[in-house]
Amino acid sequence: MGKKGKEAARERREQRRREVTHLRTVPYEPHQRWWDHLERAPARAVAVVTGANRGIGFEAARQLALHGLHVVVASRDAERGQAAAERIRTEAPGDAGVSVEWRQLDVADAASVEAFAAWAAQTHGGIHVLVNNAGVNFSKGADNSVEFAEQVVETNYYGTKRMIDAMIPLMKPSPFGGRIVNVSSRLGRVNGRRNRIGDVSLRDWLLNDDCLSEQLIDEMLVKFLEQVKQGTWSSNQWPQMYTDYSVSKLAVNAYTRLMARRLSDPSEGEKIYINCFCPGWVKTEMTGWEGNISAEEGADTGVWLALLPQEQATNGKFFAERREISF
C-alpha cells in the first residue's frame, strides 16, 4: 500500500471513529432496552465482566452499569476489583443509580471459576450477560517474546472457554436471549492480510464449519506450544506479530463460531447469542499505553453487542467499530 493508500485508509478509520462516537450519544429507545423488560426477578439484568479492574474491562463494566444493568466486576486481584467497583459508583452521575459489586475471579484457575459460578447461582440465580475480557499479553512494541506463551494461551483461550462453559448453564431464560461477548483481536484472524497463519490446510479447516471442533483448536494450540518449547515456532508459519497473543485470540475466534453453532437450536426461551470483537489498538496498560484510542472507545463495540435490541441480535460473528468483519 502506497503513501496515498495509507492516508486514505487512515481517513476512513477516522471517519468511522467519528461515526461511532456519534452513535454512542444516541440513547436506546424504551422498547429497545430489553434489560428493562425482564419478567423474572431480579429487577435488573445481571452482567459479569471479567478482568474488569482496569482498561477495556473496567470501561465495559462502567458503561453497562450506566445503562442500568447490575454489573459484577470480576477481577483476579480482589483489592483492585473492589477499588474498580467503588470508582464506578463514585464517578457515576448522581441520578444514574448504578448497581455494581465486585468478586474475585481468576479465569486461569478452574477452582476459582467453579467457585465464582456457584456464587453467581446462589446470589443472583444466574446471569444475563457475560463479557469475557480477562487476558494477558507480555509483548510490547516491537518485542515478540513467547517466553510466557503457556500463560497467554491458558488465560486468553482456556480461561475464556472455562467461563463460557461455566456460565452457559447459568444464563437466565429470557425471550431476549442471553449475551456472551468475547474480547478478541484482529491479530487472530485466520485470513487477515497480515499476521495470518501460513498453514493453508489449517486455515481452511478453521474456516470450514464442518471441520471446526474443539479437538482441532486444541491440537493447534498443543502443536504451537510444543514448537515454542522446541524453539522452532518462528520457522513454522505462525503469526509473526505478538505470536502467542495472536494464536490465543485465533482460538477464541474459532471457539466463538463453534459455540454459536452449538447454541443455534435452543429450547424456547433459552436462546444465547455469542459474538466476539476487536476493540482496536487501545491505550491501556496491556499495550504499554501505545494505542491510538481510549479504553472508553475500545469497550464500545462489546457493550453494543451485549445490549443489541432483540430484533438486531446476531450470533457467531466478529465485529470492530460496530461493524462485522471477517474471521
Protein backbone atom coordinates (compact mmCIF):
# COMPACT_ATOMS: atom_id res chain seq x y z
CA MET A 1 0.00 0.00 0.00
CA GLY A 2 1.50 3.32 -1.09
CA LYS A 3 1.51 6.61 0.78
CA LYS A 4 -1.80 7.75 -0.73
CA GLY A 5 -3.41 4.41 0.06
CA LYS A 6 -2.29 4.59 3.68
CA GLU A 7 -3.59 8.12 4.01
CA ALA A 8 -6.95 7.10 2.54
CA ALA A 9 -7.17 4.14 4.91
CA ARG A 10 -6.32 6.37 7.84
CA GLU A 11 -9.05 8.82 6.85
CA ARG A 12 -11.60 6.00 6.57
CA ARG A 13 -10.70 4.83 10.06
CA GLU A 14 -11.04 8.34 11.46
CA GLN A 15 -14.37 8.79 9.70
CA ARG A 16 -15.70 5.58 11.21
CA ARG A 17 -14.35 6.64 14.59
CA ARG A 18 -16.34 9.86 14.34
CA GLU A 19 -19.45 7.95 13.31
CA VAL A 20 -19.22 5.58 16.27
CA THR A 21 -18.55 8.48 18.64
CA HIS A 22 -21.84 9.99 17.45
CA LEU A 23 -23.68 6.66 17.77
CA ARG A 24 -22.63 6.43 21.41
CA THR A 25 -24.58 9.63 22.11
CA VAL A 26 -27.82 8.22 20.67
CA PRO A 27 -29.94 6.82 23.52
CA TYR A 28 -31.73 3.50 23.24
CA GLU A 29 -35.47 3.76 22.73
CA PRO A 30 -37.51 2.36 25.64
CA HIS A 31 -38.66 -0.64 23.59
CA GLN A 32 -35.04 -1.43 22.67
CA ARG A 33 -33.90 -1.63 26.30
CA TRP A 34 -34.58 -5.34 26.67
CA TRP A 35 -32.85 -5.34 30.06
CA ASP A 36 -35.67 -3.17 31.42
CA HIS A 37 -38.33 -5.69 30.41
CA LEU A 38 -37.31 -8.85 32.21
CA GLU A 39 -40.22 -10.81 33.65
CA ARG A 40 -38.36 -12.50 36.47
CA ALA A 41 -36.50 -11.13 39.48
CA PRO A 42 -34.05 -9.55 39.96
CA ALA A 43 -35.35 -6.30 38.53
CA ARG A 44 -32.03 -5.60 36.82
CA ALA A 45 -30.26 -7.76 34.29
CA VAL A 46 -27.02 -9.15 35.70
CA ALA A 47 -23.81 -8.66 33.70
CA VAL A 48 -20.47 -10.26 34.56
CA VAL A 49 -17.32 -8.63 33.19
CA THR A 50 -14.03 -10.47 33.69
CA GLY A 51 -10.76 -8.62 34.08
CA ALA A 52 -12.83 -5.57 34.95
CA ASN A 53 -10.48 -3.79 37.34
CA ARG A 54 -8.81 -1.77 34.56
CA GLY A 55 -8.70 -0.89 30.88
CA ILE A 56 -11.31 -2.21 28.48
CA GLY A 57 -12.90 -4.44 31.13
CA PHE A 58 -13.36 -1.53 33.52
CA GLU A 59 -14.89 0.58 30.76
CA ALA A 60 -17.25 -2.20 29.70
CA ALA A 61 -18.38 -2.61 33.31
CA ARG A 62 -18.82 1.14 33.76
CA GLN A 63 -20.83 1.57 30.57
CA LEU A 64 -23.09 -1.40 31.28
CA ALA A 65 -23.74 -0.06 34.78
CA LEU A 66 -24.61 3.37 33.40
CA HIS A 67 -27.10 1.72 31.03
CA GLY A 68 -28.88 0.26 34.05
CA LEU A 69 -27.62 -3.31 34.38
CA HIS A 70 -26.34 -4.74 37.63
CA VAL A 71 -22.66 -5.35 36.99
CA VAL A 72 -20.32 -7.82 38.67
CA VAL A 73 -16.76 -6.52 38.43
CA ALA A 74 -14.72 -9.73 38.31
CA SER A 75 -11.01 -9.37 38.96
CA ARG A 76 -8.10 -11.69 39.77
CA ASP A 77 -6.82 -9.08 42.23
CA ALA A 78 -9.54 -8.66 44.85
CA GLU A 79 -8.28 -5.31 46.12
CA ARG A 80 -8.19 -3.80 42.63
CA GLY A 81 -11.61 -5.24 41.83
CA GLN A 82 -13.10 -3.68 44.91
CA ALA A 83 -11.49 -0.34 44.06
CA ALA A 84 -12.82 -0.50 40.49
CA ALA A 85 -16.38 -1.17 41.65
CA GLU A 86 -16.16 1.72 44.09
CA ARG A 87 -14.82 4.00 41.38
CA ILE A 88 -17.76 3.17 39.10
CA ARG A 89 -20.16 4.04 41.90
CA THR A 90 -18.47 7.28 42.95
CA GLU A 91 -17.83 8.62 39.43
CA ALA A 92 -21.34 7.94 38.13
CA PRO A 93 -23.71 10.91 37.81
CA GLY A 94 -25.87 11.36 40.86
CA ASP A 95 -29.05 10.36 39.03
CA ALA A 96 -27.56 7.30 37.34
CA GLY A 97 -28.43 4.88 40.14
CA VAL A 98 -25.72 2.43 39.18
CA SER A 99 -25.69 -1.04 40.72
CA VAL A 100 -22.30 -2.71 40.89
CA GLU A 101 -20.42 -5.22 43.03
CA TRP A 102 -17.06 -6.96 42.83
CA ARG A 103 -15.98 -10.56 43.06
CA GLN A 104 -12.60 -12.25 42.94
CA LEU A 105 -12.07 -14.44 39.88
CA ASP A 106 -9.03 -15.99 38.21
CA VAL A 107 -10.13 -17.42 34.86
CA ALA A 108 -6.91 -19.42 34.61
CA ASP A 109 -7.84 -21.34 37.78
CA ALA A 110 -10.59 -23.95 37.33
CA ALA A 111 -11.41 -23.94 41.06
CA SER A 112 -11.80 -20.15 41.03
CA VAL A 113 -14.19 -20.32 38.07
CA GLU A 114 -16.19 -23.09 39.75
CA ALA A 115 -16.46 -21.07 42.96
CA PHE A 116 -17.50 -17.96 41.03
CA ALA A 117 -20.22 -19.88 39.19
CA ALA A 118 -21.56 -21.29 42.46
CA TRP A 119 -21.62 -17.79 43.96
CA ALA A 120 -23.41 -16.32 40.90
CA ALA A 121 -26.04 -19.06 41.03
CA GLN A 122 -26.63 -18.64 44.77
CA THR A 123 -26.51 -14.82 44.82
CA HIS A 124 -28.26 -13.92 41.59
CA GLY A 125 -29.86 -17.14 40.40
CA GLY A 126 -27.90 -16.77 37.19
CA ILE A 127 -26.80 -14.02 34.80
CA HIS A 128 -27.90 -12.38 31.56
CA VAL A 129 -24.65 -11.04 30.10
CA LEU A 130 -21.07 -12.32 30.14
CA VAL A 131 -18.21 -10.20 28.82
CA ASN A 132 -15.03 -12.28 28.60
CA ASN A 133 -12.37 -9.61 28.80
CA ALA A 134 -9.71 -11.12 31.08
CA GLY A 135 -6.50 -11.64 29.16
CA VAL A 136 -2.74 -11.15 29.17
CA ASN A 137 -0.07 -10.09 26.70
CA PHE A 138 3.61 -9.83 27.57
CA SER A 139 4.93 -8.40 24.29
CA LYS A 140 5.23 -4.65 23.88
CA GLY A 141 6.23 -2.50 20.93
CA ALA A 142 8.49 -4.39 18.53
CA ASP A 143 9.08 -7.18 21.06
CA ASN A 144 7.68 -10.60 20.14
CA SER A 145 8.65 -12.82 23.03
CA VAL A 146 6.96 -16.19 23.51
CA GLU A 147 8.51 -16.70 26.93
CA PHE A 148 5.10 -16.76 28.58
CA ALA A 149 3.20 -18.47 25.76
CA GLU A 150 1.67 -21.13 28.02
CA GLN A 151 0.28 -18.49 30.38
CA VAL A 152 -1.04 -16.43 27.47
CA VAL A 153 -2.86 -19.39 25.92
CA GLU A 154 -4.11 -20.65 29.29
CA THR A 155 -5.59 -17.27 30.25
CA ASN A 156 -6.77 -15.90 26.93
CA TYR A 157 -8.24 -19.04 25.40
CA TYR A 158 -8.75 -21.68 28.07
CA GLY A 159 -9.84 -19.05 30.60
CA THR A 160 -12.44 -17.71 28.18
CA LYS A 161 -13.60 -21.24 27.33
CA ARG A 162 -13.76 -22.14 31.02
CA MET A 163 -16.03 -19.14 31.73
CA ILE A 164 -18.30 -19.86 28.79
CA ASP A 165 -18.73 -23.48 29.84
CA ALA A 166 -19.41 -22.47 33.45
CA MET A 167 -21.80 -19.60 32.70
CA ILE A 168 -23.96 -21.06 29.93
CA PRO A 169 -25.94 -23.19 32.42
CA LEU A 170 -26.48 -20.02 34.48
CA MET A 171 -27.85 -17.90 31.64
CA LYS A 172 -31.36 -16.91 32.73
CA PRO A 173 -34.13 -17.96 30.34
CA SER A 174 -35.47 -14.87 28.60
CA PRO A 175 -37.31 -14.01 25.38
CA PHE A 176 -34.45 -11.59 24.69
CA GLY A 177 -31.70 -14.20 24.89
CA GLY A 178 -28.53 -14.34 26.96
CA ARG A 179 -25.48 -12.47 25.66
CA ILE A 180 -21.85 -13.63 25.62
CA VAL A 181 -19.23 -11.23 24.27
CA ASN A 182 -15.61 -12.31 23.85
CA VAL A 183 -12.92 -9.65 23.63
CA SER A 184 -10.61 -10.72 20.83
CA SER A 185 -8.32 -9.13 18.24
CA ARG A 186 -7.85 -8.71 14.51
CA LEU A 187 -4.42 -10.22 15.15
CA GLY A 188 -6.24 -13.54 15.49
CA ARG A 189 -7.89 -13.50 12.07
CA VAL A 190 -7.41 -16.68 10.06
CA ASN A 191 -7.22 -14.88 6.73
CA GLY A 192 -6.06 -11.40 7.61
CA ARG A 193 -3.78 -9.75 5.07
CA ARG A 194 -1.08 -9.54 7.70
CA ASN A 195 -0.16 -11.82 10.59
CA ARG A 196 -2.15 -14.84 9.42
CA ILE A 197 -1.03 -18.41 9.91
CA GLY A 198 0.90 -19.79 6.97
CA ASP A 199 -0.50 -23.34 7.04
CA VAL A 200 -3.12 -23.21 4.27
CA SER A 201 -4.71 -26.52 5.29
CA LEU A 202 -5.14 -25.34 8.88
CA ARG A 203 -6.65 -22.09 7.67
CA ASP A 204 -9.15 -24.00 5.54
CA TRP A 205 -10.09 -26.32 8.40
CA LEU A 206 -10.59 -23.46 10.84
CA LEU A 207 -12.88 -21.63 8.43
CA ASN A 208 -14.89 -24.73 7.50
CA ASP A 209 -17.78 -25.26 9.90
CA ASP A 210 -17.83 -28.97 9.08
CA CYS A 211 -14.19 -29.30 10.20
CA LEU A 212 -14.15 -26.87 13.12
CA SER A 213 -14.08 -28.62 16.51
CA GLU A 214 -12.64 -28.31 19.99
CA GLN A 215 -10.20 -31.05 19.05
CA LEU A 216 -8.93 -29.05 16.07
CA ILE A 217 -8.43 -25.95 18.22
CA ASP A 218 -6.73 -27.93 20.99
CA GLU A 219 -4.43 -29.73 18.55
CA MET A 220 -3.40 -26.40 17.03
CA LEU A 221 -2.55 -24.98 20.46
CA VAL A 222 -0.67 -28.11 21.56
CA LYS A 223 1.36 -28.02 18.36
CA PHE A 224 2.16 -24.34 18.82
CA LEU A 225 3.23 -24.73 22.46
CA GLU A 226 5.35 -27.78 21.62
CA GLN A 227 7.18 -25.76 18.96
CA VAL A 228 7.66 -22.92 21.43
CA LYS A 229 9.36 -25.35 23.82
CA GLN A 230 11.47 -26.72 20.97
CA GLY A 231 12.38 -23.24 19.76
CA THR A 232 11.07 -23.98 16.25
CA TRP A 233 7.90 -21.85 16.28
CA SER A 234 9.34 -18.93 14.28
CA SER A 235 10.02 -21.11 11.23
CA ASN A 236 6.63 -22.82 11.23
CA GLN A 237 4.36 -20.18 9.74
CA TRP A 238 2.71 -18.89 12.92
CA PRO A 239 1.71 -15.20 13.07
CA GLN A 240 4.82 -13.05 13.35
CA MET A 241 3.35 -10.19 15.38
CA TYR A 242 2.68 -10.87 19.09
CA THR A 243 2.65 -14.54 18.16
CA ASP A 244 1.37 -16.16 21.36
CA TYR A 245 -1.30 -13.49 21.85
CA SER A 246 -2.39 -13.77 18.20
CA VAL A 247 -2.65 -17.57 18.38
CA SER A 248 -4.67 -17.37 21.60
CA LYS A 249 -7.12 -14.93 20.01
CA LEU A 250 -7.32 -17.06 16.87
CA ALA A 251 -8.51 -19.85 19.18
CA VAL A 252 -11.03 -17.52 20.87
CA ASN A 253 -12.47 -16.54 17.49
CA ALA A 254 -12.76 -20.16 16.41
CA TYR A 255 -14.41 -21.20 19.67
CA THR A 256 -16.90 -18.32 19.36
CA ARG A 257 -18.03 -19.68 15.99
CA LEU A 258 -18.13 -23.24 17.32
CA MET A 259 -20.27 -22.28 20.32
CA ALA A 260 -22.61 -20.21 18.16
CA ARG A 261 -23.27 -23.32 16.10
CA ARG A 262 -23.89 -25.42 19.22
CA LEU A 263 -26.27 -22.82 20.64
CA SER A 264 -28.15 -22.27 17.38
CA ASP A 265 -31.08 -24.59 18.20
CA PRO A 266 -32.11 -23.81 21.79
CA SER A 267 -35.20 -24.71 23.75
CA GLU A 268 -37.85 -21.99 23.87
CA GLY A 269 -36.72 -19.01 25.95
CA GLU A 270 -33.14 -20.25 26.20
CA LYS A 271 -31.51 -18.51 23.25
CA ILE A 272 -27.92 -17.37 23.83
CA TYR A 273 -26.11 -15.03 21.45
CA ILE A 274 -22.33 -15.27 21.39
CA ASN A 275 -20.03 -12.98 19.42
CA CYS A 276 -16.51 -11.60 19.57
CA PHE A 277 -14.99 -8.22 18.80
CA CYS A 278 -11.72 -6.41 18.34
CA PRO A 279 -11.51 -3.27 20.48
CA GLY A 280 -8.71 -1.81 18.36
CA TRP A 281 -5.30 -0.56 19.43
CA VAL A 282 -6.26 0.83 22.83
CA LYS A 283 -4.27 2.95 25.24
CA THR A 284 -4.13 0.56 28.18
CA GLU A 285 -1.53 -0.98 30.44
CA MET A 286 -1.57 -4.12 28.25
CA THR A 287 -0.36 -2.14 25.21
CA GLY A 288 2.11 -0.10 27.23
CA TRP A 289 -0.17 2.92 26.64
CA GLU A 290 0.86 2.89 22.97
CA GLY A 291 -2.65 2.65 21.49
CA ASN A 292 -4.44 5.23 19.41
CA ILE A 293 -7.89 5.14 21.02
CA SER A 294 -9.16 5.34 24.59
CA ALA A 295 -10.44 2.44 26.68
CA GLU A 296 -13.88 4.06 26.53
CA GLU A 297 -13.83 3.81 22.73
CA GLY A 298 -12.32 0.33 22.80
CA ALA A 299 -15.07 -1.08 25.02
CA ASP A 300 -17.89 0.40 22.95
CA THR A 301 -18.43 -2.41 20.44
CA GLY A 302 -18.52 -5.01 23.20
CA VAL A 303 -21.13 -3.06 25.15
CA TRP A 304 -23.11 -2.51 21.94
CA LEU A 305 -23.12 -6.27 21.28
CA ALA A 306 -24.23 -7.02 24.83
CA LEU A 307 -27.14 -4.58 24.55
CA LEU A 308 -28.27 -5.13 20.96
CA PRO A 309 -32.07 -4.96 20.74
CA GLN A 310 -33.60 -8.38 20.22
CA GLU A 311 -34.56 -7.68 16.61
CA GLN A 312 -30.91 -6.86 15.80
CA ALA A 313 -29.27 -9.65 17.81
CA THR A 314 -26.74 -11.71 15.88
CA ASN A 315 -24.75 -14.85 16.54
CA GLY A 316 -21.27 -16.21 15.87
CA LYS A 317 -19.91 -13.04 14.26
CA PHE A 318 -16.76 -10.94 14.60
CA PHE A 319 -17.03 -7.16 14.95
CA ALA A 320 -14.96 -3.99 15.12
CA GLU A 321 -16.23 -0.40 15.35
CA ARG A 322 -19.80 -1.77 15.42
CA ARG A 323 -19.35 -3.42 12.02
CA GLU A 324 -18.99 -7.07 11.14
CA ILE A 325 -15.53 -8.11 9.95
CA SER A 326 -14.28 -11.40 8.58
CA PHE A 327 -12.66 -14.12 10.65
